[in-house]
Protein backbone atom coordinates (compact mmCIF):
# COMPACT_ATOMS: atom_id res chain seq x y z
CA MET A 1 -0.23 0.13 0.13
CA LYS A 2 1.32 3.41 -1.14
CA THR A 3 0.66 6.31 1.72
CA THR A 4 2.06 9.35 2.74
CA ILE A 5 3.34 10.30 6.00
CA GLU A 6 4.18 14.09 7.21
CA ILE A 7 7.28 14.23 9.57
CA SER A 8 9.46 17.34 10.52
CA ASP A 9 12.41 17.84 8.09
CA GLU A 10 15.02 17.14 11.00
CA LEU A 11 13.47 13.88 12.05
CA ALA A 12 13.36 12.74 8.21
CA GLY A 13 16.81 14.18 7.77
CA LYS A 14 17.88 11.96 10.55
CA ALA A 15 15.75 9.09 9.39
CA ARG A 16 17.26 8.81 6.22
CA ALA A 17 20.94 9.21 7.41
CA HIS A 18 20.13 6.20 9.85
CA ALA A 19 18.69 4.46 6.82
CA ALA A 20 21.94 4.68 5.14
CA ARG A 21 24.30 3.98 7.78
CA GLU A 22 22.05 0.63 8.41
CA ASN A 23 22.21 0.07 4.45
CA THR A 24 18.60 -0.13 4.44
CA THR A 25 15.78 2.08 3.13
CA LEU A 26 13.99 4.55 4.92
CA ARG A 27 10.65 2.57 4.05
CA SER A 28 12.14 -0.22 5.92
CA LEU A 29 13.28 1.83 8.71
CA VAL A 30 9.52 3.18 9.16
CA GLU A 31 8.05 -0.58 8.81
CA ARG A 32 10.46 -1.82 11.61
CA GLY A 33 9.47 1.28 13.74
CA LEU A 34 5.72 0.41 13.09
CA ARG A 35 6.04 -2.98 13.81
CA LEU A 36 8.22 -2.36 17.08
CA ALA A 37 5.71 0.11 18.34
CA MET A 38 2.84 -2.28 17.71
CA ARG A 39 4.23 -5.39 19.42
CA ALA A 40 5.50 -3.22 22.47
CA ASP A 41 3.38 -4.17 25.65
CA PRO A 42 2.67 -1.05 27.86
CA GLN A 43 1.90 -3.93 30.69
CA LEU A 44 5.32 -5.33 30.46
CA PHE A 45 6.55 -3.12 33.28
CA SER A 46 5.55 -3.21 36.74
CA LEU A 47 6.91 -2.13 39.70
CA PRO A 48 7.41 -4.98 42.60
CA ASP A 49 5.84 -4.51 45.71
CA ALA A 50 8.65 -3.16 47.94
CA SER A 51 6.09 -2.67 50.88
CA VAL A 52 6.85 -3.35 54.41
CA THR A 53 5.19 -4.99 57.22
CA GLY A 54 5.60 -2.98 60.39
CA ARG A 55 3.81 -0.80 62.84
CA GLY A 56 4.24 2.53 61.29
CA LEU A 57 6.69 5.23 62.93
CA GLN A 58 8.49 4.69 66.04
CA PRO A 59 6.62 5.94 69.06
CA GLY A 60 8.51 9.02 69.49
CA TYR A 61 7.45 9.97 66.13
CA ARG A 62 4.04 8.96 65.59
CA ASP A 63 2.49 12.35 66.33
CA ALA A 64 5.19 14.37 64.82
CA ASP A 65 4.70 16.74 62.27
CA TRP A 66 6.86 16.36 58.80
CA ALA A 67 9.40 19.26 59.82
CA ARG A 68 10.38 17.01 63.20
CA ILE A 69 10.60 13.74 60.83
CA ARG A 70 12.91 15.48 58.42
CA GLU A 71 15.17 17.33 60.85
CA ALA A 72 15.49 13.92 62.48
CA ALA A 73 16.40 11.95 59.35
CA TYR A 74 18.61 14.68 57.90
CA GLY A 75 19.87 16.89 60.62
CA ASP A 76 22.33 19.46 59.61
CA ARG A 77 22.59 18.16 56.15
CA GLY A 78 19.79 19.96 54.65
CA GLY A 79 16.71 18.10 53.11
């Protein structure tokens, strides 16, 4: 099938140069990119569950505001 796509001149130039370095055609490069984009599964990556069990903050900090907790964690190192 013949079709027309519009891309920026800068991207087209980079794509042509890349195709030349790969000793392939712009058509092949676009087809390969489309195939890769269509098979990419956005659900492939998921964060592992890094939660921990525990009883929350230590007793001295359970009712503390964030400024107090930050001061205890960072002290005079900023933060």
